[in-house]
């Protein structure tokens, strides 16, 4: 990340990322280099631009677009809802018992006086 006054940040980044795309075939290694660029970009206050260019160029595999990831995510959401419902039922039962005890004490004490 040198002086890019002659070209401009966006053009410089496109060239740099294009070179990485052309010369680095292995995705994990490409991801490593891009992360290094992102870290260096923080020092130059251009991380937002780097992030945008990386996203626009689709240089690394986006796991969130993978069908298996989406299937697993949906399964996790369904499972989480079911667990939440079960937990809610249990908490409702406990709250009902507590309210019943309190109501019983109030009614029982009313006959004591």
PDB file of N, CA and C in Angstrom:
ATOM      1  N   UNK A   1       0.859  -1.166   0.000  1.00  0.00           N
ATOM      2  CA  UNK A   1       0.000   0.000   0.000  1.00  0.00           C
ATOM      3  C   UNK A   1       0.907   1.230   0.000  1.00  0.00           C
ATOM      4  N   UNK A   2       1.155   1.677  -1.155  1.00  0.00           N
ATOM      5  CA  UNK A   2       2.083   2.809  -1.282  1.00  0.00           C
ATOM      6  C   UNK A   2       1.316   4.091  -1.572  1.00  0.00           C
ATOM      7  N   UNK A   3       2.020   5.041  -2.086  1.00  0.00           N
ATOM      8  CA  UNK A   3       1.416   6.319  -2.434  1.00  0.00           C
ATOM      9  C   UNK A   3       0.617   6.145  -3.724  1.00  0.00           C
ATOM     10  N   UNK A   4      -0.682   6.309  -3.647  1.00  0.00           N
ATOM     11  CA  UNK A   4      -1.519   6.119  -4.833  1.00  0.00           C
ATOM     12  C   UNK A   4      -2.181   7.423  -5.277  1.00  0.00           C
ATOM     13  N   UNK A   5      -1.460   8.512  -5.102  1.00  0.00           N
ATOM     14  CA  UNK A   5      -1.997   9.806  -5.510  1.00  0.00           C
ATOM     15  C   UNK A   5      -2.151   9.889  -7.023  1.00  0.00           C
ATOM     16  N   UNK A   6      -1.257   9.249  -7.763  1.00  0.00           N
ATOM     17  CA  UNK A   6      -1.316   9.317  -9.224  1.00  0.00           C
ATOM     18  C   UNK A   6      -2.563   8.632  -9.769  1.00  0.00           C
ATOM     19  N   UNK A   7      -2.950   7.501  -9.158  1.00  0.00           N
ATOM     20  CA  UNK A   7      -4.046   6.707  -9.699  1.00  0.00           C
ATOM     21  C   UNK A   7      -5.356   6.928  -8.975  1.00  0.00           C
ATOM     22  N   UNK A   8      -5.341   6.872  -7.712  1.00  0.00           N
ATOM     23  CA  UNK A   8      -6.574   6.906  -6.952  1.00  0.00           C
ATOM     24  C   UNK A   8      -6.751   5.564  -6.256  1.00  0.00           C
ATOM     25  N   UNK A   9      -7.375   5.587  -5.129  1.00  0.00           N
ATOM     26  CA  UNK A   9      -7.503   4.403  -4.280  1.00  0.00           C
ATOM     27  C   UNK A   9      -8.217   3.277  -5.004  1.00  0.00           C
ATOM     28  N   UNK A  10      -9.333   3.559  -5.624  1.00  0.00           N
ATOM     29  CA  UNK A  10     -10.141   2.509  -6.235  1.00  0.00           C
ATOM     30  C   UNK A  10      -9.399   1.811  -7.362  1.00  0.00           C
ATOM     31  N   UNK A  11      -8.782   2.574  -8.216  1.00  0.00           N
ATOM     32  CA  UNK A  11      -8.041   1.978  -9.337  1.00  0.00           C
ATOM     33  C   UNK A  11      -6.881   1.147  -8.816  1.00  0.00           C
ATOM     34  N   UNK A  12      -6.145   1.682  -7.865  1.00  0.00           N
ATOM     35  CA  UNK A  12      -5.026   0.955  -7.281  1.00  0.00           C
ATOM     36  C   UNK A  12      -5.491  -0.363  -6.664  1.00  0.00           C
ATOM     37  N   UNK A  13      -6.587  -0.311  -5.901  1.00  0.00           N
ATOM     38  CA  UNK A  13      -7.103  -1.523  -5.262  1.00  0.00           C
ATOM     39  C   UNK A  13      -7.562  -2.553  -6.286  1.00  0.00           C
ATOM     40  N   UNK A  14      -8.239  -2.097  -7.334  1.00  0.00           N
ATOM     41  CA  UNK A  14      -8.686  -3.022  -8.381  1.00  0.00           C
ATOM     42  C   UNK A  14      -7.504  -3.727  -9.022  1.00  0.00           C
ATOM     43  N   UNK A  15      -6.445  -2.977  -9.308  1.00  0.00           N
ATOM     44  CA  UNK A  15      -5.251  -3.575  -9.901  1.00  0.00           C
ATOM     45  C   UNK A  15      -4.611  -4.590  -8.954  1.00  0.00           C
ATOM     46  N   UNK A  16      -4.480  -4.214  -7.698  1.00  0.00           N
ATOM     47  CA  UNK A  16      -3.867  -5.094  -6.705  1.00  0.00           C
ATOM     48  C   UNK A  16      -4.674  -6.381  -6.531  1.00  0.00           C
ATOM     49  N   UNK A  17      -5.976  -6.238  -6.364  1.00  0.00           N
ATOM     50  CA  UNK A  17      -6.831  -7.411  -6.174  1.00  0.00           C
ATOM     51  C   UNK A  17      -6.915  -8.259  -7.439  1.00  0.00           C
ATOM     52  N   UNK A  18      -6.861  -7.623  -8.587  1.00  0.00           N
ATOM     53  CA  UNK A  18      -6.864  -8.358  -9.852  1.00  0.00           C
ATOM     54  C   UNK A  18      -5.599  -9.207  -9.982  1.00  0.00           C
ATOM     55  N   UNK A  19      -4.474  -8.665  -9.565  1.00  0.00           N
ATOM     56  CA  UNK A  19      -3.219  -9.430  -9.598  1.00  0.00           C
ATOM     57  C   UNK A  19      -3.295 -10.643  -8.666  1.00  0.00           C
ATOM     58  N   UNK A  20      -3.859 -10.427  -7.502  1.00  0.00           N
ATOM     59  CA  UNK A  20      -4.017 -11.553  -6.564  1.00  0.00           C
ATOM     60  C   UNK A  20      -4.911 -12.613  -7.190  1.00  0.00           C
ATOM     61  N   UNK A  21      -5.997 -12.176  -7.798  1.00  0.00           N
ATOM     62  CA  UNK A  21      -6.931 -13.109  -8.439  1.00  0.00           C
ATOM     63  C   UNK A  21      -6.254 -13.889  -9.560  1.00  0.00           C
ATOM     64  N   UNK A  22      -5.420 -13.204 -10.350  1.00  0.00           N
ATOM     65  CA  UNK A  22      -4.764 -13.851 -11.489  1.00  0.00           C
ATOM     66  C   UNK A  22      -3.629 -14.786 -11.090  1.00  0.00           C
ATOM     67  N   UNK A  23      -2.894 -14.434 -10.066  1.00  0.00           N
ATOM     68  CA  UNK A  23      -1.686 -15.182  -9.737  1.00  0.00           C
ATOM     69  C   UNK A  23      -1.839 -16.179  -8.594  1.00  0.00           C
ATOM     70  N   UNK A  24      -2.827 -16.011  -7.753  1.00  0.00           N
ATOM     71  CA  UNK A  24      -2.990 -16.902  -6.600  1.00  0.00           C
ATOM     72  C   UNK A  24      -4.238 -17.753  -6.832  1.00  0.00           C
ATOM     73  N   UNK A  25      -4.033 -18.997  -7.180  1.00  0.00           N
ATOM     74  CA  UNK A  25      -5.149 -19.874  -7.517  1.00  0.00           C
ATOM     75  C   UNK A  25      -5.795 -20.503  -6.285  1.00  0.00           C
ATOM     76  N   UNK A  26      -4.992 -20.803  -5.271  1.00  0.00           N
ATOM     77  CA  UNK A  26      -5.515 -21.461  -4.081  1.00  0.00           C
ATOM     78  C   UNK A  26      -6.332 -20.464  -3.251  1.00  0.00           C
ATOM     79  N   UNK A  27      -7.586 -20.823  -2.995  1.00  0.00           N
ATOM     80  CA  UNK A  27      -8.508 -19.897  -2.332  1.00  0.00           C
ATOM     81  C   UNK A  27      -8.079 -19.524  -0.922  1.00  0.00           C
ATOM     82  N   UNK A  28      -7.562 -20.489  -0.154  1.00  0.00           N
ATOM     83  CA  UNK A  28      -7.163 -20.176   1.219  1.00  0.00           C
ATOM     84  C   UNK A  28      -5.989 -19.192   1.236  1.00  0.00           C
ATOM     85  N   UNK A  29      -5.069 -19.371   0.315  1.00  0.00           N
ATOM     86  CA  UNK A  29      -3.928 -18.459   0.227  1.00  0.00           C
ATOM     87  C   UNK A  29      -4.387 -17.073  -0.246  1.00  0.00           C
ATOM     88  N   UNK A  30      -5.306 -17.055  -1.191  1.00  0.00           N
ATOM     89  CA  UNK A  30      -5.863 -15.794  -1.680  1.00  0.00           C
ATOM     90  C   UNK A  30      -6.561 -15.056  -0.534  1.00  0.00           C
ATOM     91  N   UNK A  31      -7.324 -15.791   0.277  1.00  0.00           N
ATOM     92  CA  UNK A  31      -7.998 -15.203   1.431  1.00  0.00           C
ATOM     93  C   UNK A  31      -7.005 -14.623   2.429  1.00  0.00           C
ATOM     94  N   UNK A  32      -5.888 -15.328   2.606  1.00  0.00           N
ATOM     95  CA  UNK A  32      -4.847 -14.856   3.524  1.00  0.00           C
ATOM     96  C   UNK A  32      -4.293 -13.510   3.051  1.00  0.00           C
ATOM     97  N   UNK A  33      -3.988 -13.414   1.762  1.00  0.00           N
ATOM     98  CA  UNK A  33      -3.434 -12.174   1.221  1.00  0.00           C
ATOM     99  C   UNK A  33      -4.446 -11.034   1.319  1.00  0.00           C
ATOM    100  N   UNK A  34      -5.696 -11.341   1.071  1.00  0.00           N
ATOM    101  CA  UNK A  34      -6.724 -10.304   1.148  1.00  0.00           C
ATOM    102  C   UNK A  34      -6.885  -9.821   2.581  1.00  0.00           C
ATOM    103  N   UNK A  35      -6.830 -10.742   3.545  1.00  0.00           N
ATOM    104  CA  UNK A  35      -6.909 -10.330   4.958  1.00  0.00           C
ATOM    105  C   UNK A  35      -5.727  -9.429   5.325  1.00  0.00           C
ATOM    106  N   UNK A  36      -4.551  -9.764   4.801  1.00  0.00           N
ATOM    107  CA  UNK A  36      -3.381  -8.933   5.070  1.00  0.00           C
ATOM    108  C   UNK A  36      -3.570  -7.525   4.497  1.00  0.00           C
ATOM    109  N   UNK A  37      -4.130  -7.459   3.306  1.00  0.00           N
ATOM    110  CA  UNK A  37      -4.398  -6.150   2.697  1.00  0.00           C
ATOM    111  C   UNK A  37      -5.413  -5.386   3.539  1.00  0.00           C
ATOM    112  N   UNK A  38      -6.439  -6.082   4.032  1.00  0.00           N
ATOM    113  CA  UNK A  38      -7.442  -5.413   4.865  1.00  0.00           C
ATOM    114  C   UNK A  38      -6.816  -4.861   6.145  1.00  0.00           C
ATOM    115  N   UNK A  39      -5.905  -5.609   6.747  1.00  0.00           N
ATOM    116  CA  UNK A  39      -5.230  -5.127   7.957  1.00  0.00           C
ATOM    117  C   UNK A  39      -4.400  -3.885   7.632  1.00  0.00           C
ATOM    118  N   UNK A  40      -3.652  -3.944   6.541  1.00  0.00           N
ATOM    119  CA  UNK A  40      -2.838  -2.790   6.153  1.00  0.00           C
ATOM    120  C   UNK A  40      -3.716  -1.596   5.782  1.00  0.00           C
ATOM    121  N   UNK A  41      -4.889  -1.878   5.223  1.00  0.00           N
ATOM    122  CA  UNK A  41      -5.770  -0.783   4.811  1.00  0.00           C
ATOM    123  C   UNK A  41      -6.286   0.011   6.009  1.00  0.00           C
ATOM    124  N   UNK A  42      -6.324  -0.619   7.169  1.00  0.00           N
ATOM    125  CA  UNK A  42      -6.732   0.105   8.380  1.00  0.00           C
ATOM    126  C   UNK A  42      -5.737   1.218   8.693  1.00  0.00           C
ATOM    127  N   UNK A  43      -4.470   0.942   8.441  1.00  0.00           N
ATOM    128  CA  UNK A  43      -3.434   1.937   8.711  1.00  0.00           C
ATOM    129  C   UNK A  43      -3.565   3.152   7.797  1.00  0.00           C
ATOM    130  N   UNK A  44      -4.095   2.945   6.608  1.00  0.00           N
ATOM    131  CA  UNK A  44      -4.254   4.027   5.636  1.00  0.00           C
ATOM    132  C   UNK A  44      -5.679   4.577   5.613  1.00  0.00           C
ATOM    133  N   UNK A  45      -6.531   4.060   6.506  1.00  0.00           N
ATOM    134  CA  UNK A  45      -7.937   4.491   6.595  1.00  0.00           C
ATOM    135  C   UNK A  45      -8.698   4.278   5.283  1.00  0.00           C
ATOM    136  N   UNK A  46      -8.447   3.147   4.645  1.00  0.00           N
ATOM    137  CA  UNK A  46      -9.148   2.832   3.399  1.00  0.00           C
ATOM    138  C   UNK A  46      -9.788   1.441   3.475  1.00  0.00           C
ATOM    139  N   UNK A  47     -10.031   0.974   4.677  1.00  0.00           N
ATOM    140  CA  UNK A  47     -10.577  -0.370   4.829  1.00  0.00           C
ATOM    141  C   UNK A  47     -11.945  -0.506   4.170  1.00  0.00           C
ATOM    142  N   UNK A  48     -12.754   0.535   4.250  1.00  0.00           N
ATOM    143  CA  UNK A  48     -14.091   0.493   3.639  1.00  0.00           C
ATOM    144  C   UNK A  48     -13.971   0.268   2.128  1.00  0.00           C
ATOM    145  N   UNK A  49     -13.049   0.962   1.493  1.00  0.00           N
ATOM    146  CA  UNK A  49     -12.853   0.812   0.052  1.00  0.00           C
ATOM    147  C   UNK A  49     -12.353  -0.587  -0.289  1.00  0.00           C
ATOM    148  N   UNK A  50     -11.422  -1.096   0.511  1.00  0.00           N
ATOM    149  CA  UNK A  50     -10.886  -2.438   0.270  1.00  0.00           C
ATOM    150  C   UNK A  50     -12.002  -3.468   0.399  1.00  0.00           C
ATOM    151  N   UNK A  51     -12.763  -3.355   1.442  1.00  0.00           N
ATOM    152  CA  UNK A  51     -13.855  -4.297   1.671  1.00  0.00           C
ATOM    153  C   UNK A  51     -14.851  -4.285   0.510  1.00  0.00           C
ATOM    154  N   UNK A  52     -15.187  -3.097   0.013  1.00  0.00           N
ATOM    155  CA  UNK A  52     -16.131  -2.978  -1.105  1.00  0.00           C
ATOM    156  C   UNK A  52     -15.565  -3.620  -2.361  1.00  0.00           C
ATOM    157  N   UNK A  53     -14.303  -3.367  -2.664  1.00  0.00           N
ATOM    158  CA  UNK A  53     -13.697  -3.925  -3.872  1.00  0.00           C
ATOM    159  C   UNK A  53     -13.592  -5.448  -3.787  1.00  0.00           C
ATOM    160  N   UNK A  54     -13.254  -5.965  -2.621  1.00  0.00           N
ATOM    161  CA  UNK A  54     -13.168  -7.419  -2.446  1.00  0.00           C
ATOM    162  C   UNK A  54     -14.536  -8.044  -2.678  1.00  0.00           C
ATOM    163  N   UNK A  55     -15.561  -7.418  -2.128  1.00  0.00           N
ATOM    164  CA  UNK A  55     -16.924  -7.935  -2.296  1.00  0.00           C
ATOM    165  C   UNK A  55     -17.355  -7.861  -3.757  1.00  0.00           C
ATOM    166  N   UNK A  56     -17.054  -6.765  -4.417  1.00  0.00           N
ATOM    167  CA  UNK A  56     -17.446  -6.592  -5.817  1.00  0.00           C
ATOM    168  C   UNK A  56     -16.740  -7.575  -6.755  1.00  0.00           C
ATOM    169  N   UNK A  57     -15.502  -7.923  -6.435  1.00  0.00           N
ATOM    170  CA  UNK A  57     -14.734  -8.795  -7.317  1.00  0.00           C
ATOM    171  C   UNK A  57     -14.958 -10.281  -7.037  1.00  0.00           C
ATOM    172  N   UNK A  58     -15.628 -10.606  -5.976  1.00  0.00           N
ATOM    173  CA  UNK A  58     -15.889 -12.008  -5.616  1.00  0.00           C
ATOM    174  C   UNK A  58     -14.605 -12.835  -5.648  1.00  0.00           C
ATOM    175  N   UNK A  59     -13.623 -12.392  -4.882  1.00  0.00           N
ATOM    176  CA  UNK A  59     -12.321 -13.051  -4.870  1.00  0.00           C
ATOM    177  C   UNK A  59     -12.266 -14.261  -3.943  1.00  0.00           C
ATOM    178  N   UNK A  60     -13.122 -14.276  -2.976  1.00  0.00           N
ATOM    179  CA  UNK A  60     -13.111 -15.383  -2.031  1.00  0.00           C
ATOM    180  C   UNK A  60     -14.493 -16.008  -1.973  1.00  0.00           C
ATOM    181  N   UNK A  61     -14.532 -17.260  -1.587  1.00  0.00           N
ATOM    182  CA  UNK A  61     -15.772 -18.017  -1.537  1.00  0.00           C
ATOM    183  C   UNK A  61     -16.683 -17.444  -0.460  1.00  0.00           C
ATOM    184  N   UNK A  62     -17.912 -17.152  -0.821  1.00  0.00           N
ATOM    185  CA  UNK A  62     -18.886 -16.620   0.127  1.00  0.00           C
ATOM    186  C   UNK A  62     -19.721 -17.775   0.656  1.00  0.00           C
ATOM    187  N   UNK A  63     -19.429 -18.208   1.859  1.00  0.00           N
ATOM    188  CA  UNK A  63     -20.089 -19.367   2.455  1.00  0.00           C
ATOM    189  C   UNK A  63     -21.585 -19.153   2.586  1.00  0.00           C
ATOM    190  N   UNK A  64     -22.016 -17.923   2.775  1.00  0.00           N
ATOM    191  CA  UNK A  64     -23.439 -17.648   2.971  1.00  0.00           C
ATOM    192  C   UNK A  64     -24.264 -17.875   1.710  1.00  0.00           C
ATOM    193  N   UNK A  65     -23.619 -17.978   0.570  1.00  0.00           N
ATOM    194  CA  UNK A  65     -24.331 -18.264  -0.676  1.00  0.00           C
ATOM    195  C   UNK A  65     -24.390 -19.761  -0.967  1.00  0.00           C
ATOM    196  N   UNK A  66     -23.667 -20.550  -0.215  1.00  0.00           N
ATOM    197  CA  UNK A  66     -23.613 -21.997  -0.416  1.00  0.00           C
ATOM    198  C   UNK A  66     -24.934 -22.648   0.007  1.00  0.00           C
ATOM    199  N   UNK A  67     -25.459 -23.545  -0.815  1.00  0.00           N
ATOM    200  CA  UNK A  67     -26.750 -24.174  -0.546  1.00  0.00           C
ATOM    201  C   UNK A  67     -26.702 -25.012   0.733  1.00  0.00           C
ATOM    202  N   UNK A  68     -25.606 -25.697   0.980  1.00  0.00           N
ATOM    203  CA  UNK A  68     -25.495 -26.517   2.198  1.00  0.00           C
ATOM    204  C   UNK A  68     -25.473 -25.638   3.444  1.00  0.00           C
ATOM    205  N   UNK A  69     -24.820 -24.494   3.354  1.00  0.00           N
ATOM    206  CA  UNK A  69     -24.809 -23.559   4.476  1.00  0.00           C
ATOM    207  C   UNK A  69     -26.221 -23.081   4.763  1.00  0.00           C
ATOM    208  N   UNK A  70     -26.953 -22.717   3.713  1.00  0.00           N
ATOM    209  CA  UNK A  70     -28.330 -22.245   3.878  1.00  0.00           C
ATOM    210  C   UNK A  70     -29.212 -23.332   4.486  1.00  0.00           C
ATOM    211  N   UNK A  71     -29.025 -24.577   4.049  1.00  0.00           N
ATOM    212  CA  UNK A  71     -29.815 -25.681   4.604  1.00  0.00           C
ATOM    213  C   UNK A  71     -29.511 -25.869   6.086  1.00  0.00           C
ATOM    214  N   UNK A  72     -28.251 -25.844   6.439  1.00  0.00           N
ATOM    215  CA  UNK A  72     -27.860 -25.987   7.836  1.00  0.00           C
ATOM    216  C   UNK A  72     -28.366 -24.842   8.689  1.00  0.00           C
ATOM    217  N   UNK A  73     -28.324 -23.645   8.145  1.00  0.00           N
ATOM    218  CA  UNK A  73     -28.815 -22.475   8.859  1.00  0.00           C
ATOM    219  C   UNK A  73     -30.309 -22.599   9.123  1.00  0.00           C
ATOM    220  N   UNK A  74     -31.062 -23.007   8.104  1.00  0.00           N
ATOM    221  CA  UNK A  74     -32.513 -23.167   8.267  1.00  0.00           C
ATOM    222  C   UNK A  74     -32.819 -24.243   9.303  1.00  0.00           C
ATOM    223  N   UNK A  75     -32.088 -25.336   9.259  1.00  0.00           N
ATOM    224  CA  UNK A  75     -32.286 -26.408  10.239  1.00  0.00           C
ATOM    225  C   UNK A  75     -32.002 -25.896  11.653  1.00  0.00           C
ATOM    226  N   UNK A  76     -30.963 -25.096  11.802  1.00  0.00           N
ATOM    227  CA  UNK A  76     -30.630 -24.516  13.101  1.00  0.00           C
ATOM    228  C   UNK A  76     -31.697 -23.552  13.598  1.00  0.00           C
ATOM    229  N   UNK A  77     -32.267 -22.776  12.686  1.00  0.00           N
ATOM    230  CA  UNK A  77     -33.325 -21.839  13.063  1.00  0.00           C
ATOM    231  C   UNK A  77     -34.552 -22.597  13.553  1.00  0.00           C
ATOM    232  N   UNK A  78     -34.935 -23.647  12.814  1.00  0.00           N
ATOM    233  CA  UNK A  78     -36.099 -24.456  13.207  1.00  0.00           C
ATOM    234  C   UNK A  78     -35.852 -25.096  14.570  1.00  0.00           C
ATOM    235  N   UNK A  79     -34.669 -25.647  14.746  1.00  0.00           N
ATOM    236  CA  UNK A  79     -34.323 -26.291  16.023  1.00  0.00           C
ATOM    237  C   UNK A  79     -34.343 -25.260  17.156  1.00  0.00           C
ATOM    238  N   UNK A  80     -33.833 -24.075  16.904  1.00  0.00           N
ATOM    239  CA  UNK A  80     -33.834 -23.019  17.919  1.00  0.00           C
ATOM    240  C   UNK A  80     -35.243 -22.599  18.304  1.00  0.00           C
ATOM    241  N   UNK A  81     -36.122 -22.534  17.321  1.00  0.00           N
ATOM    242  CA  UNK A  81     -37.514 -22.181  17.623  1.00  0.00           C
ATOM    243  C   UNK A  81     -38.160 -23.239  18.506  1.00  0.00           C
ATOM    244  N   UNK A  82     -37.937 -24.503  18.168  1.00  0.00           N
ATOM    245  CA  UNK A  82     -38.519 -25.594  18.951  1.00  0.00           C
ATOM    246  C   UNK A  82     -37.997 -25.565  20.392  1.00  0.00           C
ATOM    247  N   UNK A  83     -36.698 -25.366  20.541  1.00  0.00           N
ATOM    248  CA  UNK A  83     -36.123 -25.294  21.884  1.00  0.00           C
ATOM    249  C   UNK A  83     -36.680 -24.090  22.646  1.00  0.00           C
ATOM    250  N   UNK A  84     -36.872 -22.980  21.945  1.00  0.00           N
ATOM    251  CA  UNK A  84     -37.434 -21.787  22.575  1.00  0.00           C
ATOM    252  C   UNK A  84     -38.865 -22.012  23.038  1.00  0.00           C
ATOM    253  N   UNK A  85     -39.644 -22.697  22.210  1.00  0.00           N
ATOM    254  CA  UNK A  85     -41.028 -22.999  22.589  1.00  0.00           C
ATOM    255  C   UNK A  85     -41.062 -23.886  23.829  1.00  0.00           C
ATOM    256  N   UNK A  86     -40.224 -24.913  23.856  1.00  0.00           N
ATOM    257  CA  UNK A  86     -40.163 -25.833  24.996  1.00  0.00           C
ATOM    258  C   UNK A  86     -39.762 -25.077  26.259  1.00  0.00           C
ATOM    259  N   UNK A  87     -38.761 -24.234  26.148  1.00  0.00           N
ATOM    260  CA  UNK A  87     -38.306 -23.455  27.296  1.00  0.00           C
ATOM    261  C   UNK A  87     -39.417 -22.514  27.762  1.00  0.00           C
ATOM    262  N   UNK A  88     -40.132 -21.910  26.825  1.00  0.00           N
ATOM    263  CA  UNK A  88     -41.231 -21.019  27.174  1.00  0.00           C
ATOM    264  C   UNK A  88     -42.346 -21.747  27.904  1.00  0.00           C
ATOM    265  N   UNK A  89     -42.642 -22.960  27.459  1.00  0.00           N
ATOM    266  CA  UNK A  89     -43.672 -23.757  28.145  1.00  0.00           C
ATOM    267  C   UNK A  89     -43.261 -24.065  29.580  1.00  0.00           C
ATOM    268  N   UNK A  90     -42.022 -24.460  29.758  1.00  0.00           N
ATOM    269  CA  UNK A  90     -41.529 -24.795  31.098  1.00  0.00           C
ATOM    270  C   UNK A  90     -41.568 -23.570  32.008  1.00  0.00           C
ATOM    271  N   UNK A  91     -41.142 -22.433  31.480  1.00  0.00           N
ATOM    272  CA  UNK A  91     -41.174 -21.202  32.281  1.00  0.00           C
ATOM    273  C   UNK A  91     -42.612 -20.807  32.609  1.00  0.00           C
ATOM    274  N   UNK A  92     -43.528 -21.016  31.661  1.00  0.00           N
ATOM    275  CA  UNK A  92     -44.938 -20.720  31.904  1.00  0.00           C
ATOM    276  C   UNK A  92     -45.529 -21.597  32.989  1.00  0.00           C
ATOM    277  N   UNK A  93     -45.169 -22.884  32.971  1.00  0.00           N
ATOM    278  CA  UNK A  93     -45.649 -23.795  34.015  1.00  0.00           C
ATOM    279  C   UNK A  93     -45.135 -23.355  35.386  1.00  0.00           C
ATOM    280  N   UNK A  94     -43.874 -23.028  35.456  1.00  0.00           N
ATOM    281  CA  UNK A  94     -43.276 -22.596  36.718  1.00  0.00           C
ATOM    282  C   UNK A  94     -43.942 -21.314  37.213  1.00  0.00           C
ATOM    283  N   UNK A  95     -44.158 -20.377  36.326  1.00  0.00           N
ATOM    284  CA  UNK A  95     -44.806 -19.126  36.707  1.00  0.00           C
ATOM    285  C   UNK A  95     -46.234 -19.386  37.173  1.00  0.00           C
ATOM    286  N   UNK A  96     -46.940 -20.287  36.496  1.00  0.00           N
ATOM    287  CA  UNK A  96     -48.309 -20.634  36.895  1.00  0.00           C
ATOM    288  C   UNK A  96     -48.355 -21.251  38.283  1.00  0.00           C
ATOM    289  N   UNK A  97     -47.397 -22.118  38.570  1.00  0.00           N
ATOM    290  CA  UNK A  97     -47.336 -22.733  39.907  1.00  0.00           C
ATOM    291  C   UNK A  97     -47.124 -21.672  40.985  1.00  0.00           C
ATOM    292  N   UNK A  98     -46.186 -20.748  40.705  1.00  0.00           N
ATOM    293  CA  UNK A  98     -45.885 -19.694  41.673  1.00  0.00           C
ATOM    294  C   UNK A  98     -47.109 -18.806  41.905  1.00  0.00           C
ATOM    295  N   UNK A  99     -47.797 -18.453  40.838  1.00  0.00           N
ATOM    296  CA  UNK A  99     -48.995 -17.623  40.973  1.00  0.00           C
ATOM    297  C   UNK A  99     -50.097 -18.381  41.709  1.00  0.00           C
ATOM    298  N   UNK A 100     -50.199 -19.688  41.451  1.00  0.00           N
ATOM    299  CA  UNK A 100     -51.199 -20.509  42.144  1.00  0.00           C
ATOM    300  C   UNK A 100     -50.916 -20.592  43.635  1.00  0.00           C
ATOM    301  N   UNK A 101     -49.653 -20.746  43.999  1.00  0.00           N
ATOM    302  CA  UNK A 101     -49.282 -20.784  45.412  1.00  0.00           C
ATOM    303  C   UNK A 101     -49.629 -19.463  46.094  1.00  0.00           C
ATOM    304  N   UNK A 102     -49.286 -18.366  45.441  1.00  0.00           N
ATOM    305  CA  UNK A 102     -49.554 -17.050  45.991  1.00  0.00           C
ATOM    306  C   UNK A 102     -51.058 -16.827  46.156  1.00  0.00           C
ATOM    307  N   UNK A 103     -51.825 -17.210  45.161  1.00  0.00           N
ATOM    308  CA  UNK A 103     -53.279 -17.052  45.227  1.00  0.00           C
ATOM    309  C   UNK A 103     -53.858 -17.930  46.331  1.00  0.00           C
ATOM    310  N   UNK A 104     -53.319 -19.125  46.495  1.00  0.00           N
ATOM    311  CA  UNK A 104     -53.774 -20.020  47.560  1.00  0.00           C
ATOM    312  C   UNK A 104     -53.488 -19.433  48.939  1.00  0.00           C
ATOM    313  N   UNK A 105     -52.331 -18.816  49.091  1.00  0.00           N
ATOM    314  CA  UNK A 105     -51.988 -18.192  50.373  1.00  0.00           C
ATOM    315  C   UNK A 105     -52.916 -17.029  50.686  1.00  0.00           C
ATOM    316  N   UNK A 106     -53.202 -16.230  49.662  1.00  0.00           N
ATOM    317  CA  UNK A 106     -54.074 -15.075  49.844  1.00  0.00           C
ATOM    318  C   UNK A 106     -55.487 -15.544  50.233  1.00  0.00           C
ATOM    319  N   UNK A 107     -55.991 -16.534  49.542  1.00  0.00           N
ATOM    320  CA  UNK A 107     -57.331 -17.034  49.844  1.00  0.00           C
ATOM    321  C   UNK A 107     -57.365 -17.724  51.202  1.00  0.00           C
ATOM    322  N   UNK A 108     -56.362 -18.476  51.505  1.00  0.00           N
ATOM    323  CA  UNK A 108     -56.291 -19.189  52.777  1.00  0.00           C
ATOM    324  C   UNK A 108     -56.188 -18.236  53.960  1.00  0.00           C
ATOM    325  N   UNK A 109     -55.451 -17.167  53.768  1.00  0.00           N
ATOM    326  CA  UNK A 109     -55.267 -16.186  54.828  1.00  0.00           C
ATOM    327  C   UNK A 109     -56.537 -15.378  55.036  1.00  0.00           C
ATOM    328  N   UNK A 110     -57.348 -15.233  54.019  1.00  0.00           N
ATOM    329  CA  UNK A 110     -58.613 -14.497  54.139  1.00  0.00           C
ATOM    330  C   UNK A 110     -59.599 -15.183  55.068  1.00  0.00           C
ATOM    331  N   UNK A 111     -59.526 -16.476  55.181  1.00  0.00           N
ATOM    332  CA  UNK A 111     -60.429 -17.207  56.081  1.00  0.00           C
ATOM    333  C   UNK A 111     -59.892 -17.246  57.500  1.00  0.00           C
ATOM    334  N   UNK A 112     -58.604 -16.910  57.682  1.00  0.00           N
ATOM    335  CA  UNK A 112     -57.990 -16.935  59.020  1.00  0.00           C
ATOM    336  C   UNK A 112     -58.445 -15.756  59.876  1.00  0.00           C
ATOM    337  N   UNK A 113     -58.788 -14.657  59.329  1.00  0.00           N
ATOM    338  CA  UNK A 113     -59.088 -13.439  60.076  1.00  0.00           C
ATOM    339  C   UNK A 113     -60.453 -13.389  60.658  1.00  0.00           C
TER     340      UNK A 113
END
